[in-house]
């Protein structure tokens, strides 16, 4: 099994790159965000690798960061999500953005990925909400100092009401959730709804 490749960029395509390691070119499939971080031909690169072995093929999936690989592996546990779809999701949502989308149950954000329809997006945010907090996703599960894989304890009602109010003002649900959760972390679970909205707007304006 290959767990890591260190070499030089040979070429980059829309969904993969060829990494030259000692004269051997490895085809590595990766998210658009990881591919965008690769330099021009000849640049040094080191990628974490997830190796998938089937009867007819050996496929390498590369990640610039361990947290992206963790999310990739977690997404594969969702029915209907294969490697291609998982990379598609990670191409439109960085790990921290995906964590916020799941915490906010923002299926529209997940549905922006190619190959992900509304039903699959709903399944992803629903099933991953219970799993995200326990799979060691590190910094990707944080918005500032606020855990976003679960609501602030005892504050589900006001949090959801404030998020809905901000969404009605035109903000994306994941952004609104992160801002409101941050306010509640600073001011406590008993903060009034109008204060949540006002301070949430201030967080969003920063």
N, C-alpha and C. Protein backbone atom coordinates (compact mmCIF):
# COMPACT_ATOMS: atom_id res chain seq x y z
N UNK A 1 0.83 -1.20 0.00
CA UNK A 1 0.00 0.00 0.00
C UNK A 1 0.88 1.26 0.00
N UNK A 2 0.45 2.24 -0.75
CA UNK A 2 1.16 3.51 -0.79
C UNK A 2 0.44 4.49 0.13
N UNK A 3 1.14 5.06 1.08
CA UNK A 3 0.53 6.01 2.01
C UNK A 3 0.96 7.44 1.79
N UNK A 4 2.06 7.62 1.04
CA UNK A 4 2.56 8.97 0.80
C UNK A 4 3.45 8.95 -0.44
N UNK A 5 3.38 10.02 -1.22
CA UNK A 5 4.26 10.18 -2.38
C UNK A 5 4.97 11.52 -2.28
N UNK A 6 6.27 11.51 -2.47
CA UNK A 6 7.06 12.74 -2.50
C UNK A 6 7.88 12.73 -3.78
N UNK A 7 7.67 13.75 -4.59
CA UNK A 7 8.37 13.82 -5.86
C UNK A 7 8.20 15.16 -6.52
N UNK A 8 8.01 15.14 -7.84
CA UNK A 8 7.84 16.37 -8.61
C UNK A 8 6.57 16.30 -9.44
N UNK A 9 5.95 17.45 -9.64
CA UNK A 9 4.76 17.53 -10.48
C UNK A 9 5.18 17.34 -11.93
N UNK A 10 4.57 16.35 -12.58
CA UNK A 10 4.81 16.15 -14.02
C UNK A 10 3.75 16.84 -14.85
N UNK A 11 2.48 16.67 -14.45
CA UNK A 11 1.37 17.33 -15.14
C UNK A 11 0.15 17.32 -14.24
N UNK A 12 -0.76 18.25 -14.52
CA UNK A 12 -2.00 18.36 -13.74
C UNK A 12 -3.19 18.42 -14.70
N UNK A 13 -4.16 17.54 -14.48
CA UNK A 13 -5.39 17.53 -15.27
C UNK A 13 -6.55 18.05 -14.42
N UNK A 14 -7.76 17.92 -14.93
CA UNK A 14 -8.92 18.47 -14.21
C UNK A 14 -9.23 17.73 -12.92
N UNK A 15 -8.92 16.43 -12.88
CA UNK A 15 -9.26 15.65 -11.69
C UNK A 15 -8.11 14.79 -11.17
N UNK A 16 -6.92 14.98 -11.72
CA UNK A 16 -5.78 14.17 -11.30
C UNK A 16 -4.47 14.86 -11.65
N UNK A 17 -3.40 14.29 -11.16
CA UNK A 17 -2.06 14.79 -11.47
C UNK A 17 -1.13 13.60 -11.62
N UNK A 18 -0.06 13.78 -12.37
CA UNK A 18 0.98 12.77 -12.46
C UNK A 18 2.16 13.26 -11.64
N UNK A 19 2.52 12.47 -10.64
CA UNK A 19 3.63 12.81 -9.76
C UNK A 19 4.82 11.91 -10.12
N UNK A 20 5.92 12.54 -10.47
CA UNK A 20 7.14 11.81 -10.85
C UNK A 20 7.96 11.53 -9.59
N UNK A 21 8.10 10.25 -9.29
CA UNK A 21 8.89 9.83 -8.13
C UNK A 21 10.03 8.95 -8.64
N UNK A 22 11.21 9.50 -8.72
CA UNK A 22 12.36 8.74 -9.18
C UNK A 22 12.21 8.20 -10.59
N UNK A 23 11.55 8.97 -11.46
CA UNK A 23 11.39 8.55 -12.84
C UNK A 23 10.14 7.74 -13.11
N UNK A 24 9.37 7.42 -12.07
CA UNK A 24 8.11 6.70 -12.23
C UNK A 24 6.96 7.68 -12.03
N UNK A 25 6.06 7.74 -13.01
CA UNK A 25 4.93 8.66 -12.91
C UNK A 25 3.71 7.99 -12.31
N UNK A 26 3.25 8.51 -11.19
CA UNK A 26 2.06 7.98 -10.53
C UNK A 26 0.86 8.88 -10.82
N UNK A 27 -0.23 8.28 -11.30
CA UNK A 27 -1.46 9.04 -11.52
C UNK A 27 -2.20 9.12 -10.18
N UNK A 28 -2.39 10.34 -9.70
CA UNK A 28 -3.02 10.56 -8.40
C UNK A 28 -4.29 11.39 -8.59
N UNK A 29 -5.41 10.83 -8.21
CA UNK A 29 -6.68 11.56 -8.27
C UNK A 29 -6.79 12.43 -7.03
N UNK A 30 -7.31 13.65 -7.20
CA UNK A 30 -7.37 14.58 -6.06
C UNK A 30 -8.50 15.58 -6.26
N UNK A 31 -8.86 16.24 -5.17
CA UNK A 31 -9.88 17.28 -5.26
C UNK A 31 -9.33 18.49 -6.00
N UNK A 32 -10.24 19.32 -6.50
CA UNK A 32 -9.82 20.52 -7.19
C UNK A 32 -9.00 21.44 -6.30
N UNK A 33 -9.32 21.45 -5.00
CA UNK A 33 -8.60 22.32 -4.08
C UNK A 33 -7.16 21.85 -3.87
N UNK A 34 -6.97 20.53 -3.79
CA UNK A 34 -5.61 20.00 -3.67
C UNK A 34 -4.83 20.22 -4.96
N UNK A 35 -5.46 19.98 -6.09
CA UNK A 35 -4.79 20.17 -7.38
C UNK A 35 -4.37 21.62 -7.58
N UNK A 36 -5.20 22.55 -7.08
CA UNK A 36 -4.90 23.97 -7.24
C UNK A 36 -3.67 24.38 -6.43
N UNK A 37 -3.34 23.59 -5.41
CA UNK A 37 -2.18 23.91 -4.57
C UNK A 37 -0.87 23.37 -5.13
N UNK A 38 -0.96 22.51 -6.15
CA UNK A 38 0.25 21.99 -6.75
C UNK A 38 0.91 23.07 -7.60
N UNK A 39 2.18 23.10 -7.60
CA UNK A 39 2.90 24.09 -8.39
C UNK A 39 2.99 23.68 -9.85
N UNK A 40 3.74 24.44 -10.65
CA UNK A 40 3.94 24.09 -12.05
C UNK A 40 4.80 22.85 -12.21
N UNK A 41 4.93 22.39 -13.44
CA UNK A 41 5.73 21.20 -13.73
C UNK A 41 7.13 21.35 -13.16
N UNK A 42 7.58 20.31 -12.47
CA UNK A 42 8.91 20.33 -11.87
C UNK A 42 8.92 20.75 -10.41
N UNK A 43 7.77 21.24 -9.91
CA UNK A 43 7.70 21.66 -8.52
C UNK A 43 7.73 20.45 -7.59
N UNK A 44 8.39 20.61 -6.46
CA UNK A 44 8.39 19.55 -5.46
C UNK A 44 7.03 19.44 -4.80
N UNK A 45 6.62 18.22 -4.49
CA UNK A 45 5.31 18.02 -3.89
C UNK A 45 5.34 16.78 -3.01
N UNK A 46 4.54 16.81 -1.95
CA UNK A 46 4.38 15.66 -1.08
C UNK A 46 2.89 15.51 -0.78
N UNK A 47 2.33 14.37 -1.12
CA UNK A 47 0.90 14.14 -0.94
C UNK A 47 0.66 12.89 -0.10
N UNK A 48 -0.30 12.98 0.82
CA UNK A 48 -0.79 11.79 1.52
C UNK A 48 -1.63 11.00 0.54
N UNK A 49 -1.55 9.69 0.60
CA UNK A 49 -2.21 8.85 -0.40
C UNK A 49 -3.15 7.85 0.27
N UNK A 50 -4.32 7.71 -0.32
CA UNK A 50 -5.25 6.64 0.04
C UNK A 50 -5.27 5.68 -1.16
N UNK A 51 -4.84 4.44 -0.97
CA UNK A 51 -4.75 3.48 -2.05
C UNK A 51 -5.98 2.57 -2.07
N UNK A 52 -6.66 2.52 -3.21
CA UNK A 52 -7.82 1.66 -3.37
C UNK A 52 -7.48 0.55 -4.37
N UNK A 53 -7.63 -0.69 -3.94
CA UNK A 53 -7.29 -1.83 -4.78
C UNK A 53 -8.56 -2.59 -5.15
N UNK A 54 -8.76 -2.75 -6.46
CA UNK A 54 -9.86 -3.57 -6.97
C UNK A 54 -9.28 -4.63 -7.88
N UNK A 55 -10.12 -5.54 -8.32
CA UNK A 55 -9.64 -6.61 -9.19
C UNK A 55 -9.06 -6.07 -10.49
N UNK A 56 -9.65 -4.98 -11.00
CA UNK A 56 -9.25 -4.48 -12.31
C UNK A 56 -8.40 -3.21 -12.25
N UNK A 57 -8.14 -2.67 -11.06
CA UNK A 57 -7.40 -1.41 -11.00
C UNK A 57 -6.87 -1.13 -9.60
N UNK A 58 -5.78 -0.37 -9.56
CA UNK A 58 -5.26 0.19 -8.33
C UNK A 58 -5.32 1.71 -8.50
N UNK A 59 -6.07 2.38 -7.64
CA UNK A 59 -6.26 3.83 -7.76
C UNK A 59 -5.64 4.54 -6.57
N UNK A 60 -4.98 5.65 -6.84
CA UNK A 60 -4.35 6.46 -5.81
C UNK A 60 -5.11 7.78 -5.68
N UNK A 61 -5.44 8.13 -4.45
CA UNK A 61 -6.13 9.39 -4.17
C UNK A 61 -5.23 10.22 -3.25
N UNK A 62 -4.95 11.44 -3.68
CA UNK A 62 -3.97 12.26 -2.98
C UNK A 62 -4.58 13.43 -2.24
N UNK A 63 -3.92 13.81 -1.13
CA UNK A 63 -4.44 14.89 -0.27
C UNK A 63 -3.28 15.73 0.25
N UNK A 64 -3.45 17.03 0.18
CA UNK A 64 -2.41 17.93 0.67
C UNK A 64 -2.36 17.93 2.19
N UNK A 65 -3.50 17.62 2.83
CA UNK A 65 -3.59 17.65 4.29
C UNK A 65 -4.29 16.40 4.81
N UNK A 66 -3.90 15.99 6.00
CA UNK A 66 -4.50 14.81 6.60
C UNK A 66 -5.98 14.97 6.86
N UNK A 67 -6.41 16.18 7.18
CA UNK A 67 -7.82 16.39 7.51
C UNK A 67 -8.70 16.19 6.28
N UNK A 68 -8.19 16.54 5.10
CA UNK A 68 -8.97 16.31 3.89
C UNK A 68 -9.09 14.81 3.63
N UNK A 69 -8.02 14.06 3.88
CA UNK A 69 -8.08 12.61 3.73
C UNK A 69 -9.07 12.00 4.72
N UNK A 70 -9.12 12.53 5.94
CA UNK A 70 -10.07 12.03 6.95
C UNK A 70 -11.52 12.22 6.48
N UNK A 71 -11.80 13.40 5.93
CA UNK A 71 -13.14 13.67 5.43
C UNK A 71 -13.47 12.76 4.25
N UNK A 72 -12.50 12.55 3.36
CA UNK A 72 -12.69 11.66 2.22
C UNK A 72 -13.09 10.27 2.70
N UNK A 73 -12.36 9.75 3.65
CA UNK A 73 -12.66 8.41 4.18
C UNK A 73 -14.03 8.37 4.84
N UNK A 74 -14.36 9.43 5.56
CA UNK A 74 -15.66 9.46 6.24
C UNK A 74 -16.80 9.52 5.24
N UNK A 75 -16.62 10.31 4.18
CA UNK A 75 -17.67 10.43 3.16
C UNK A 75 -17.93 9.11 2.46
N UNK A 76 -16.90 8.29 2.32
CA UNK A 76 -17.06 7.00 1.65
C UNK A 76 -17.98 6.05 2.41
N UNK A 77 -18.22 6.34 3.68
CA UNK A 77 -19.11 5.50 4.48
C UNK A 77 -20.58 5.83 4.25
N UNK A 78 -20.84 6.89 3.48
CA UNK A 78 -22.23 7.28 3.19
C UNK A 78 -22.70 6.53 1.95
N UNK A 79 -23.85 5.90 2.05
CA UNK A 79 -24.40 5.16 0.91
C UNK A 79 -24.57 6.08 -0.29
N UNK A 80 -24.06 5.67 -1.43
CA UNK A 80 -24.19 6.47 -2.64
C UNK A 80 -23.01 7.38 -2.90
N UNK A 81 -22.06 7.44 -1.96
CA UNK A 81 -20.87 8.29 -2.13
C UNK A 81 -19.67 7.40 -2.42
N UNK A 82 -19.20 7.45 -3.65
CA UNK A 82 -17.97 6.76 -4.02
C UNK A 82 -16.81 7.75 -4.00
N UNK A 83 -15.65 7.27 -4.43
CA UNK A 83 -14.46 8.11 -4.39
C UNK A 83 -14.62 9.36 -5.26
N UNK A 84 -15.21 9.20 -6.44
CA UNK A 84 -15.37 10.33 -7.36
C UNK A 84 -16.27 11.40 -6.76
N UNK A 85 -17.38 10.97 -6.15
CA UNK A 85 -18.31 11.93 -5.54
C UNK A 85 -17.69 12.59 -4.31
N UNK A 86 -16.95 11.81 -3.52
CA UNK A 86 -16.29 12.38 -2.34
C UNK A 86 -15.31 13.47 -2.74
N UNK A 87 -14.54 13.24 -3.78
CA UNK A 87 -13.59 14.26 -4.26
C UNK A 87 -14.34 15.46 -4.83
N UNK A 88 -15.48 15.20 -5.46
CA UNK A 88 -16.28 16.29 -6.00
C UNK A 88 -16.77 17.21 -4.88
N UNK A 89 -17.22 16.60 -3.77
CA UNK A 89 -17.66 17.39 -2.62
C UNK A 89 -16.50 18.20 -2.05
N UNK A 90 -15.34 17.57 -1.93
CA UNK A 90 -14.17 18.26 -1.37
C UNK A 90 -13.58 19.27 -2.34
N UNK A 91 -14.02 19.22 -3.60
CA UNK A 91 -13.57 20.21 -4.57
C UNK A 91 -14.32 21.54 -4.41
N UNK A 92 -15.56 21.46 -3.91
CA UNK A 92 -16.35 22.68 -3.73
C UNK A 92 -16.37 23.16 -2.28
N UNK A 93 -16.07 22.25 -1.34
CA UNK A 93 -16.09 22.61 0.08
C UNK A 93 -14.79 22.13 0.74
N UNK A 94 -14.00 23.07 1.22
CA UNK A 94 -12.82 22.72 2.00
C UNK A 94 -13.29 22.05 3.29
N UNK A 95 -12.42 21.30 3.97
CA UNK A 95 -12.85 20.59 5.18
C UNK A 95 -13.58 21.45 6.21
N UNK A 96 -13.08 22.68 6.47
CA UNK A 96 -13.77 23.52 7.45
C UNK A 96 -15.13 23.96 6.95
N UNK A 97 -15.25 24.22 5.65
CA UNK A 97 -16.54 24.61 5.07
C UNK A 97 -17.51 23.44 5.11
N UNK A 98 -17.02 22.24 4.85
CA UNK A 98 -17.88 21.06 4.91
C UNK A 98 -18.35 20.81 6.33
N UNK A 99 -17.48 21.02 7.30
CA UNK A 99 -17.86 20.85 8.71
C UNK A 99 -18.99 21.80 9.07
N UNK A 100 -18.86 23.06 8.64
CA UNK A 100 -19.91 24.04 8.94
C UNK A 100 -21.21 23.70 8.22
N UNK A 101 -21.11 23.24 6.98
CA UNK A 101 -22.31 22.89 6.22
C UNK A 101 -23.05 21.73 6.90
N UNK A 102 -22.30 20.75 7.39
CA UNK A 102 -22.93 19.62 8.07
C UNK A 102 -23.55 20.06 9.39
N UNK A 103 -22.83 20.88 10.14
CA UNK A 103 -23.37 21.36 11.42
C UNK A 103 -24.64 22.16 11.21
N UNK A 104 -24.67 22.94 10.12
CA UNK A 104 -25.84 23.77 9.84
C UNK A 104 -26.90 23.03 9.03
N UNK A 105 -26.62 21.75 8.69
CA UNK A 105 -27.53 20.96 7.85
C UNK A 105 -27.83 21.70 6.54
N UNK A 106 -26.79 22.25 5.96
CA UNK A 106 -26.90 23.04 4.73
C UNK A 106 -26.72 22.12 3.52
N UNK A 107 -27.78 21.43 3.15
CA UNK A 107 -27.68 20.48 2.04
C UNK A 107 -27.44 21.18 0.71
N UNK A 108 -27.87 22.43 0.59
CA UNK A 108 -27.66 23.17 -0.66
C UNK A 108 -26.18 23.35 -0.95
N UNK A 109 -25.38 23.55 0.10
CA UNK A 109 -23.94 23.72 -0.09
C UNK A 109 -23.32 22.44 -0.62
N UNK A 110 -23.73 21.30 -0.07
CA UNK A 110 -23.20 20.01 -0.52
C UNK A 110 -23.67 19.69 -1.93
N UNK A 111 -24.90 20.08 -2.25
CA UNK A 111 -25.46 19.79 -3.57
C UNK A 111 -24.78 20.57 -4.69
N UNK A 112 -23.92 21.53 -4.35
CA UNK A 112 -23.18 22.25 -5.38
C UNK A 112 -22.15 21.37 -6.07
N UNK A 113 -21.81 20.25 -5.45
CA UNK A 113 -20.81 19.34 -6.02
C UNK A 113 -21.39 18.57 -7.20
N UNK A 114 -20.59 18.38 -8.23
CA UNK A 114 -21.02 17.60 -9.38
C UNK A 114 -21.35 16.18 -8.96
N UNK A 115 -22.48 15.68 -9.44
CA UNK A 115 -22.88 14.31 -9.14
C UNK A 115 -23.62 14.15 -7.83
N UNK A 116 -23.92 15.27 -7.16
CA UNK A 116 -24.64 15.21 -5.88
C UNK A 116 -26.00 15.87 -6.03
N UNK A 117 -27.05 15.06 -5.98
CA UNK A 117 -28.40 15.59 -6.06
C UNK A 117 -28.93 15.93 -4.68
N UNK A 118 -30.14 16.50 -4.62
CA UNK A 118 -30.72 16.90 -3.33
C UNK A 118 -30.85 15.77 -2.32
N UNK A 119 -31.26 14.58 -2.78
CA UNK A 119 -31.44 13.46 -1.85
C UNK A 119 -30.11 13.00 -1.26
N UNK A 120 -29.08 12.92 -2.11
CA UNK A 120 -27.77 12.49 -1.61
C UNK A 120 -27.18 13.56 -0.69
N UNK A 121 -27.37 14.83 -1.04
CA UNK A 121 -26.87 15.91 -0.20
C UNK A 121 -27.51 15.86 1.18
N UNK A 122 -28.82 15.57 1.22
CA UNK A 122 -29.52 15.46 2.51
C UNK A 122 -28.98 14.29 3.31
N UNK A 123 -28.69 13.17 2.63
CA UNK A 123 -28.15 12.01 3.32
C UNK A 123 -26.77 12.31 3.90
N UNK A 124 -25.96 13.04 3.14
CA UNK A 124 -24.61 13.38 3.61
C UNK A 124 -24.68 14.23 4.87
N UNK A 125 -25.45 15.32 4.85
CA UNK A 125 -25.47 16.20 6.02
C UNK A 125 -26.14 15.53 7.21
N UNK A 126 -27.13 14.67 6.96
CA UNK A 126 -27.83 14.00 8.07
C UNK A 126 -26.93 12.95 8.73
N UNK A 127 -26.32 12.08 7.93
CA UNK A 127 -25.52 11.00 8.49
C UNK A 127 -24.19 11.49 9.04
N UNK A 128 -23.61 12.49 8.39
CA UNK A 128 -22.31 12.98 8.84
C UNK A 128 -22.42 13.81 10.11
N UNK A 129 -23.58 14.36 10.40
CA UNK A 129 -23.73 15.17 11.61
C UNK A 129 -23.46 14.35 12.86
N UNK A 130 -23.88 13.09 12.84
CA UNK A 130 -23.66 12.22 13.99
C UNK A 130 -22.24 11.68 14.06
N UNK A 131 -21.57 11.64 12.91
CA UNK A 131 -20.24 11.03 12.85
C UNK A 131 -19.11 12.04 12.96
N UNK A 132 -19.35 13.27 12.52
CA UNK A 132 -18.24 14.24 12.37
C UNK A 132 -17.50 14.50 13.66
N UNK A 133 -18.23 14.57 14.78
CA UNK A 133 -17.59 14.91 16.03
C UNK A 133 -16.66 13.83 16.56
N UNK A 134 -16.82 12.58 16.09
CA UNK A 134 -16.04 11.50 16.66
C UNK A 134 -15.00 10.87 15.75
N UNK A 135 -14.73 11.50 14.60
CA UNK A 135 -13.79 10.87 13.68
C UNK A 135 -12.48 11.61 13.58
N UNK A 136 -12.19 12.46 14.59
CA UNK A 136 -10.88 13.08 14.65
C UNK A 136 -10.57 14.01 13.50
N UNK A 137 -11.49 14.92 13.18
CA UNK A 137 -11.27 15.79 12.03
C UNK A 137 -10.51 17.06 12.39
N UNK A 138 -10.06 17.17 13.62
CA UNK A 138 -9.14 18.24 13.99
C UNK A 138 -9.67 19.63 13.72
N UNK A 139 -8.81 20.48 13.15
CA UNK A 139 -9.14 21.89 12.97
C UNK A 139 -10.30 22.10 12.03
N UNK A 140 -10.58 21.14 11.16
CA UNK A 140 -11.69 21.31 10.22
C UNK A 140 -13.02 21.31 10.94
N UNK A 141 -13.08 20.80 12.16
CA UNK A 141 -14.34 20.77 12.90
C UNK A 141 -14.50 22.01 13.77
N UNK A 142 -13.73 23.04 13.50
CA UNK A 142 -13.82 24.25 14.30
C UNK A 142 -14.12 25.48 13.46
N UNK A 143 -14.88 26.38 14.05
CA UNK A 143 -15.08 27.71 13.49
C UNK A 143 -14.56 28.65 14.56
N UNK A 144 -13.34 29.11 14.38
CA UNK A 144 -12.68 29.83 15.46
C UNK A 144 -12.45 28.85 16.59
N UNK A 145 -13.01 29.15 17.77
CA UNK A 145 -12.91 28.23 18.90
C UNK A 145 -14.22 27.49 19.12
N UNK A 146 -15.12 27.56 18.14
CA UNK A 146 -16.45 27.01 18.34
C UNK A 146 -16.60 25.66 17.65
N UNK A 147 -16.87 24.59 18.39
CA UNK A 147 -17.13 23.33 17.72
C UNK A 147 -18.39 23.45 16.89
N UNK A 148 -18.32 23.08 15.61
CA UNK A 148 -19.50 23.20 14.77
C UNK A 148 -20.08 21.85 14.39
N UNK A 149 -19.55 20.78 14.94
CA UNK A 149 -20.10 19.47 14.61
C UNK A 149 -21.35 19.18 15.43
N UNK A 150 -21.67 20.04 16.40
CA UNK A 150 -22.87 19.87 17.21
C UNK A 150 -23.30 21.22 17.74
N UNK A 151 -24.60 21.41 18.03
CA UNK A 151 -25.05 22.70 18.55
C UNK A 151 -24.45 23.00 19.91
N UNK A 152 -24.45 24.28 20.26
CA UNK A 152 -24.03 24.66 21.60
C UNK A 152 -25.01 24.06 22.60
N UNK A 153 -24.49 23.46 23.67
CA UNK A 153 -25.34 22.74 24.63
C UNK A 153 -26.46 23.62 25.15
N UNK A 154 -27.67 23.08 25.11
CA UNK A 154 -28.82 23.76 25.68
C UNK A 154 -29.31 24.95 24.90
N UNK A 155 -28.82 25.12 23.67
CA UNK A 155 -29.16 26.34 22.96
C UNK A 155 -29.71 26.08 21.57
N UNK A 156 -30.24 24.88 21.37
CA UNK A 156 -30.69 24.50 20.04
C UNK A 156 -31.75 25.45 19.50
N UNK A 157 -32.76 25.80 20.33
CA UNK A 157 -33.86 26.65 19.87
C UNK A 157 -33.42 28.03 19.44
N UNK A 158 -32.82 28.83 20.35
CA UNK A 158 -32.36 30.17 19.99
C UNK A 158 -31.35 30.15 18.85
N UNK A 159 -30.46 29.19 18.85
CA UNK A 159 -29.46 29.11 17.79
C UNK A 159 -30.15 28.93 16.44
N UNK A 160 -31.07 28.00 16.37
CA UNK A 160 -31.75 27.74 15.10
C UNK A 160 -32.60 28.92 14.66
N UNK A 161 -33.24 29.59 15.63
CA UNK A 161 -34.06 30.75 15.29
C UNK A 161 -33.20 31.89 14.75
N UNK A 162 -32.05 32.11 15.39
CA UNK A 162 -31.16 33.18 14.94
C UNK A 162 -30.57 32.85 13.57
N UNK A 163 -30.21 31.60 13.37
CA UNK A 163 -29.68 31.19 12.06
C UNK A 163 -30.73 31.41 10.98
N UNK A 164 -31.97 31.04 11.25
CA UNK A 164 -33.05 31.22 10.28
C UNK A 164 -33.23 32.70 9.94
N UNK A 165 -33.13 33.56 10.96
CA UNK A 165 -33.28 34.99 10.73
C UNK A 165 -32.17 35.53 9.82
N UNK A 166 -30.96 35.08 10.05
CA UNK A 166 -29.83 35.53 9.23
C UNK A 166 -29.93 34.99 7.81
N UNK A 167 -30.41 33.75 7.68
CA UNK A 167 -30.61 33.19 6.34
C UNK A 167 -31.65 34.00 5.58
N UNK A 168 -32.70 34.43 6.28
CA UNK A 168 -33.74 35.25 5.64
C UNK A 168 -33.21 36.62 5.21
N UNK A 169 -32.09 37.03 5.81
CA UNK A 169 -31.45 38.29 5.43
C UNK A 169 -30.48 38.11 4.26
N UNK A 170 -30.35 36.87 3.81
CA UNK A 170 -29.54 36.64 2.62
C UNK A 170 -28.22 35.93 2.83
N UNK A 171 -27.90 35.57 4.08
CA UNK A 171 -26.64 34.87 4.34
C UNK A 171 -26.80 33.37 4.12
N UNK A 172 -25.71 32.71 3.75
CA UNK A 172 -25.75 31.27 3.59
C UNK A 172 -25.88 30.62 4.97
N UNK A 173 -26.57 29.49 4.99
CA UNK A 173 -26.88 28.85 6.28
C UNK A 173 -25.62 28.47 7.05
N UNK A 174 -24.62 27.94 6.36
CA UNK A 174 -23.40 27.53 7.06
C UNK A 174 -22.68 28.73 7.66
N UNK A 175 -22.65 29.85 6.93
CA UNK A 175 -22.03 31.08 7.45
C UNK A 175 -22.79 31.58 8.67
N UNK A 176 -24.11 31.60 8.56
CA UNK A 176 -24.94 32.08 9.66
C UNK A 176 -24.76 31.22 10.90
N UNK A 177 -24.71 29.91 10.71
CA UNK A 177 -24.54 29.00 11.84
C UNK A 177 -23.22 29.27 12.56
N UNK A 178 -22.14 29.41 11.77
CA UNK A 178 -20.84 29.66 12.38
C UNK A 178 -20.81 30.94 13.18
N UNK A 179 -21.45 32.01 12.65
CA UNK A 179 -21.46 33.29 13.33
C UNK A 179 -22.26 33.23 14.63
N UNK A 180 -23.44 32.63 14.58
CA UNK A 180 -24.30 32.55 15.77
C UNK A 180 -23.66 31.66 16.84
N UNK A 181 -23.09 30.54 16.42
CA UNK A 181 -22.45 29.65 17.38
C UNK A 181 -21.28 30.36 18.08
N UNK A 182 -20.57 31.18 17.33
CA UNK A 182 -19.45 31.91 17.91
C UNK A 182 -19.93 32.92 18.95
N UNK A 183 -21.05 33.59 18.66
CA UNK A 183 -21.63 34.54 19.61
C UNK A 183 -22.04 33.81 20.89
N UNK A 184 -22.67 32.66 20.74
CA UNK A 184 -23.14 31.92 21.92
C UNK A 184 -21.97 31.39 22.73
N UNK A 185 -20.88 31.06 22.06
CA UNK A 185 -19.70 30.60 22.78
C UNK A 185 -19.13 31.72 23.64
N UNK A 186 -19.18 32.95 23.12
CA UNK A 186 -18.64 34.10 23.83
C UNK A 186 -19.57 34.57 24.95
N UNK A 187 -20.88 34.58 24.70
CA UNK A 187 -21.82 35.22 25.61
C UNK A 187 -22.67 34.25 26.41
N UNK A 188 -22.58 32.97 26.10
CA UNK A 188 -23.34 31.99 26.87
C UNK A 188 -24.64 31.60 26.20
N UNK A 189 -25.21 30.49 26.68
CA UNK A 189 -26.40 29.92 26.05
C UNK A 189 -27.67 30.71 26.32
N UNK A 190 -27.64 31.61 27.31
CA UNK A 190 -28.86 32.33 27.68
C UNK A 190 -29.00 33.70 27.01
N UNK A 191 -28.13 33.99 26.05
CA UNK A 191 -28.21 35.26 25.36
C UNK A 191 -29.54 35.37 24.61
N UNK A 192 -30.13 36.57 24.62
CA UNK A 192 -31.43 36.79 23.99
C UNK A 192 -31.34 36.66 22.48
N UNK A 193 -32.46 36.28 21.87
CA UNK A 193 -32.49 36.05 20.43
C UNK A 193 -32.08 37.29 19.65
N UNK A 194 -32.61 38.46 20.04
CA UNK A 194 -32.26 39.67 19.30
C UNK A 194 -30.77 39.99 19.41
N UNK A 195 -30.17 39.67 20.56
CA UNK A 195 -28.73 39.87 20.73
C UNK A 195 -27.94 38.90 19.84
N UNK A 196 -28.44 37.69 19.75
CA UNK A 196 -27.80 36.71 18.87
C UNK A 196 -27.77 37.21 17.43
N UNK A 197 -28.88 37.77 17.01
CA UNK A 197 -28.97 38.23 15.62
C UNK A 197 -28.06 39.43 15.39
N UNK A 198 -28.10 40.39 16.31
CA UNK A 198 -27.29 41.60 16.17
C UNK A 198 -25.80 41.28 16.16
N UNK A 199 -25.37 40.49 17.14
CA UNK A 199 -23.95 40.15 17.22
C UNK A 199 -23.55 39.17 16.12
N UNK A 200 -24.49 38.34 15.70
CA UNK A 200 -24.21 37.47 14.56
C UNK A 200 -23.94 38.27 13.31
N UNK A 201 -24.70 39.35 13.11
CA UNK A 201 -24.48 40.22 11.96
C UNK A 201 -23.10 40.88 12.04
N UNK A 202 -22.68 41.24 13.25
CA UNK A 202 -21.36 41.84 13.43
C UNK A 202 -20.25 40.84 13.07
N UNK A 203 -20.44 39.58 13.49
CA UNK A 203 -19.46 38.54 13.15
C UNK A 203 -19.37 38.35 11.65
N UNK A 204 -20.50 38.35 10.99
CA UNK A 204 -20.54 38.15 9.54
C UNK A 204 -19.92 39.32 8.78
N UNK A 205 -19.97 40.50 9.41
CA UNK A 205 -19.44 41.71 8.74
C UNK A 205 -17.93 41.82 8.85
N UNK A 206 -17.32 41.03 9.73
CA UNK A 206 -15.87 41.11 9.94
C UNK A 206 -15.10 40.53 8.75
